Amino acid sequence: MIRTVSDVTQILEAMQRDESQAAEALLPLVYDELRRIAAYKMAQESPGHTLQPTALVHEAWLRMIGDGNESFEGRAHFFAVAAEAMRRILVESARRKRSLKRGAGAEREELNESHLVQTAPSDELLAIDEALDLLATEDPTCADLVKLRYFVGMTMEEAATALGLPLRSAERLWTYSRAWLRQKIGRV
């Protein structure tokens, strides 16, 4: 877990000031939390997925920090950007997997990094991604809440805190978002 919220916030502020070593100082502080998020999300993927949580964290980190033009408004924004980067990586992977059947018939030996066995088929992930894009145009806060809960695995309390919402408001938005998504894709 992250040492303190203020450590991360101070480093994010240093990144805003273009201090050269800030990004290097940030990774050790957030790595365990990013790894936990990635492991949670990977546990929801169907068997045979080629990405592992560590690779997902590294790919997301490169997308977030790699170009040197990163700008985060705070800890909540940073983790929201991380969740979005991981979501996009998994969606891209699901699209590639659906369009190209690689290694058909070959046996794959999995390195299972997580003991959680909850699966989300690629088609479901793509349907949720499309519905989330629609929800984001209607209500960005609802879409962010769904991303934090579904893709990151945050509890309601963690997601409410990350979004700066009272718990009761987050719970109401969660109820609305689930109903909205259920109507759009049939099952969430």
Protein backbone atom coordinates (compact mmCIF):
# COMPACT_ATOMS: atom_id res chain seq x y z
CA MET A 1 0.00 0.00 0.00
CA ILE A 2 1.00 3.61 -0.44
CA ARG A 3 2.98 5.04 2.47
CA THR A 4 0.99 8.24 2.77
CA VAL A 5 -1.34 10.14 0.55
CA SER A 6 0.74 13.28 1.09
CA ASP A 7 3.92 11.59 -0.25
CA VAL A 8 2.18 10.79 -3.50
CA THR A 9 0.53 14.20 -3.66
CA GLN A 10 3.87 15.98 -3.12
CA ILE A 11 5.52 13.98 -5.88
CA LEU A 12 2.61 14.62 -8.26
CA GLU A 13 2.98 18.33 -7.52
CA ALA A 14 6.71 18.07 -8.25
CA MET A 15 5.85 16.43 -11.58
CA GLN A 16 3.61 19.42 -12.34
CA ARG A 17 6.66 21.63 -11.76
CA ASP A 18 8.64 19.49 -14.24
CA GLU A 19 11.12 18.28 -11.63
CA SER A 20 13.15 15.64 -13.43
CA GLN A 21 13.32 12.97 -10.72
CA ALA A 22 9.68 13.14 -9.62
CA ALA A 23 8.40 10.32 -11.85
CA GLU A 24 11.19 8.03 -10.67
CA ALA A 25 10.28 8.76 -7.06
CA LEU A 26 6.59 8.14 -7.71
CA LEU A 27 6.81 4.58 -9.01
CA PRO A 28 8.08 2.96 -5.80
CA LEU A 29 5.30 4.66 -3.82
CA VAL A 30 2.45 3.59 -6.10
CA TYR A 31 3.77 0.32 -7.53
CA ASP A 32 2.17 -1.99 -4.96
CA GLU A 33 -1.21 -0.31 -5.36
CA LEU A 34 -0.95 -0.43 -9.17
CA ARG A 35 0.07 -4.10 -8.94
CA ARG A 36 -2.95 -4.83 -6.72
CA ILE A 37 -5.25 -3.10 -9.21
CA ALA A 38 -3.72 -5.03 -12.12
CA ALA A 39 -3.95 -8.36 -10.29
CA TYR A 40 -7.60 -7.71 -9.51
CA LYS A 41 -8.36 -6.87 -13.12
CA MET A 42 -6.37 -9.79 -14.51
CA ALA A 43 -8.25 -12.18 -12.21
CA GLN A 44 -11.41 -11.14 -14.06
CA GLU A 45 -9.94 -12.02 -17.46
CA SER A 46 -10.69 -15.30 -19.15
CA PRO A 47 -8.07 -18.07 -19.00
CA GLY A 48 -5.43 -17.95 -21.70
CA HIS A 49 -4.84 -14.23 -21.44
CA THR A 50 -1.27 -13.40 -22.43
CA LEU A 51 -0.81 -10.41 -20.12
CA GLN A 52 0.22 -10.80 -16.50
CA PRO A 53 -0.42 -8.18 -13.79
CA THR A 54 3.20 -7.08 -13.71
CA ALA A 55 3.23 -6.55 -17.48
CA LEU A 56 -0.07 -4.68 -17.27
CA VAL A 57 1.35 -2.32 -14.63
CA HIS A 58 4.49 -1.70 -16.68
CA GLU A 59 2.55 -1.07 -19.90
CA ALA A 60 0.15 1.28 -18.11
CA TRP A 61 3.07 3.11 -16.49
CA LEU A 62 4.77 3.60 -19.85
CA ARG A 63 1.57 4.98 -21.34
CA MET A 64 1.03 7.32 -18.41
CA ILE A 65 4.58 8.55 -17.84
CA GLY A 66 6.46 7.55 -20.98
CA ASP A 67 6.02 10.65 -23.09
CA GLY A 68 7.13 13.06 -20.36
CA ASN A 69 3.99 15.18 -20.74
CA GLU A 70 2.16 13.74 -17.74
CA SER A 71 -0.07 15.99 -15.70
CA PHE A 72 -2.06 14.72 -12.72
CA GLU A 73 -4.35 16.84 -10.59
CA GLY A 74 -3.85 14.67 -7.51
CA ARG A 75 -3.81 11.12 -6.20
CA ALA A 76 -7.39 10.35 -7.27
CA HIS A 77 -6.73 11.64 -10.78
CA PHE A 78 -3.51 9.63 -11.00
CA PHE A 79 -5.26 6.36 -10.10
CA ALA A 80 -8.18 7.19 -12.42
CA VAL A 81 -5.68 7.68 -15.26
CA ALA A 82 -3.99 4.39 -14.30
CA ALA A 83 -7.35 2.58 -14.31
CA GLU A 84 -8.17 4.04 -17.71
CA ALA A 85 -4.75 3.04 -19.10
CA MET A 86 -5.20 -0.53 -17.84
CA ARG A 87 -8.73 -0.64 -19.26
CA ARG A 88 -7.52 0.47 -22.68
CA ILE A 89 -4.69 -2.07 -22.67
CA LEU A 90 -7.09 -4.90 -21.80
CA VAL A 91 -9.63 -3.74 -24.39
CA GLU A 92 -6.93 -3.56 -27.07
CA SER A 93 -5.79 -7.04 -26.10
CA ALA A 94 -9.36 -8.37 -26.22
CA ARG A 95 -9.87 -6.83 -29.66
CA ARG A 96 -6.62 -8.38 -30.95
CA LYS A 97 -7.58 -11.73 -29.49
CA ARG A 98 -11.02 -11.59 -31.05
CA SER A 99 -9.75 -10.57 -34.49
CA LEU A 100 -6.74 -12.89 -34.64
CA LYS A 101 -6.70 -16.40 -33.26
CA ARG A 102 -3.03 -16.77 -32.34
CA GLY A 103 -1.55 -20.14 -31.58
CA ALA A 104 -4.72 -22.08 -32.28
CA GLY A 105 -4.39 -25.62 -30.96
CA ALA A 106 -1.13 -24.96 -29.16
CA GLU A 107 -1.09 -25.80 -25.49
CA ARG A 108 -0.31 -22.91 -23.23
CA GLU A 109 1.18 -23.23 -19.80
CA GLU A 110 -0.04 -20.42 -17.57
CA LEU A 111 1.85 -18.66 -14.82
CA ASN A 112 -0.99 -17.94 -12.43
CA GLU A 113 -0.13 -14.86 -10.38
CA SER A 114 -3.46 -14.69 -8.64
CA HIS A 115 -5.61 -17.19 -6.82
CA LEU A 116 -8.80 -15.34 -7.74
CA VAL A 117 -10.81 -17.15 -10.39
CA GLN A 118 -13.37 -14.70 -11.63
CA THR A 119 -13.62 -14.47 -15.42
CA ALA A 120 -14.88 -11.82 -17.80
CA PRO A 121 -15.15 -12.96 -21.41
CA SER A 122 -13.62 -10.69 -24.06
CA ASP A 123 -17.06 -9.98 -25.57
CA GLU A 124 -18.35 -8.83 -22.18
CA LEU A 125 -15.31 -6.61 -21.67
CA LEU A 126 -15.83 -5.01 -25.10
CA ALA A 127 -19.56 -4.51 -24.43
CA ILE A 128 -18.80 -2.84 -21.11
CA ASP A 129 -16.15 -0.66 -22.75
CA GLU A 130 -18.61 0.55 -25.41
CA ALA A 131 -21.34 1.16 -22.83
CA LEU A 132 -18.88 3.05 -20.58
CA ASP A 133 -18.00 5.36 -23.44
CA LEU A 134 -21.71 6.15 -23.86
CA LEU A 135 -22.16 6.60 -20.10
CA ALA A 136 -19.16 8.95 -19.99
CA THR A 137 -20.86 11.28 -22.46
CA GLU A 138 -24.02 11.30 -20.33
CA ASP A 139 -22.45 11.36 -16.86
CA PRO A 140 -18.63 11.30 -16.54
CA THR A 141 -18.74 10.85 -12.76
CA CYS A 142 -20.84 7.69 -13.10
CA ALA A 143 -18.44 6.35 -15.72
CA ASP A 144 -15.45 7.09 -13.47
CA LEU A 145 -17.15 5.34 -10.57
CA VAL A 146 -17.78 2.23 -12.69
CA LYS A 147 -14.16 2.21 -13.87
CA LEU A 148 -12.85 2.42 -10.33
CA ARG A 149 -15.21 -0.29 -9.05
CA TYR A 150 -15.20 -2.67 -12.04
CA PHE A 151 -11.76 -2.23 -13.57
CA VAL A 152 -9.73 -1.26 -10.51
CA GLY A 153 -11.59 -3.28 -7.91
CA MET A 154 -11.95 -0.50 -5.38
CA THR A 155 -14.49 -0.79 -2.61
CA MET A 156 -17.34 1.72 -2.58
CA GLU A 157 -15.58 3.67 0.17
CA GLU A 158 -12.28 3.79 -1.75
CA ALA A 159 -14.00 4.86 -4.98
CA ALA A 160 -16.03 7.55 -3.20
CA THR A 161 -12.86 8.92 -1.60
CA ALA A 162 -10.96 8.81 -4.91
CA LEU A 163 -13.75 10.77 -6.62
CA GLY A 164 -14.22 13.16 -3.71
CA LEU A 165 -17.84 12.10 -3.19
CA PRO A 166 -19.79 11.40 -0.02
CA LEU A 167 -20.35 7.66 0.39
CA ARG A 168 -24.15 7.94 0.06
CA SER A 169 -23.81 9.91 -3.20
CA ALA A 170 -21.40 7.33 -4.59
CA GLU A 171 -23.81 4.54 -3.64
CA ARG A 172 -26.67 6.30 -5.45
CA LEU A 173 -24.50 6.86 -8.53
CA TRP A 174 -23.41 3.20 -8.43
CA THR A 175 -27.05 2.03 -8.33
CA TYR A 176 -27.93 4.33 -11.25
CA SER A 177 -24.83 3.33 -13.24
CA ARG A 178 -25.48 -0.40 -12.83
CA ALA A 179 -29.10 0.01 -13.94
CA TRP A 180 -28.02 2.15 -16.90
CA LEU A 181 -25.36 -0.34 -17.96
CA ARG A 182 -27.73 -3.30 -17.47
CA GLN A 183 -30.18 -1.62 -19.82
CA LYS A 184 -27.45 -0.98 -22.42
CA ILE A 185 -25.71 -4.36 -22.39
CA GLY A 186 -28.18 -6.67 -20.72
CA ARG A 187 -25.97 -7.84 -17.82
CA VAL A 188 -23.50 -6.15 -15.47
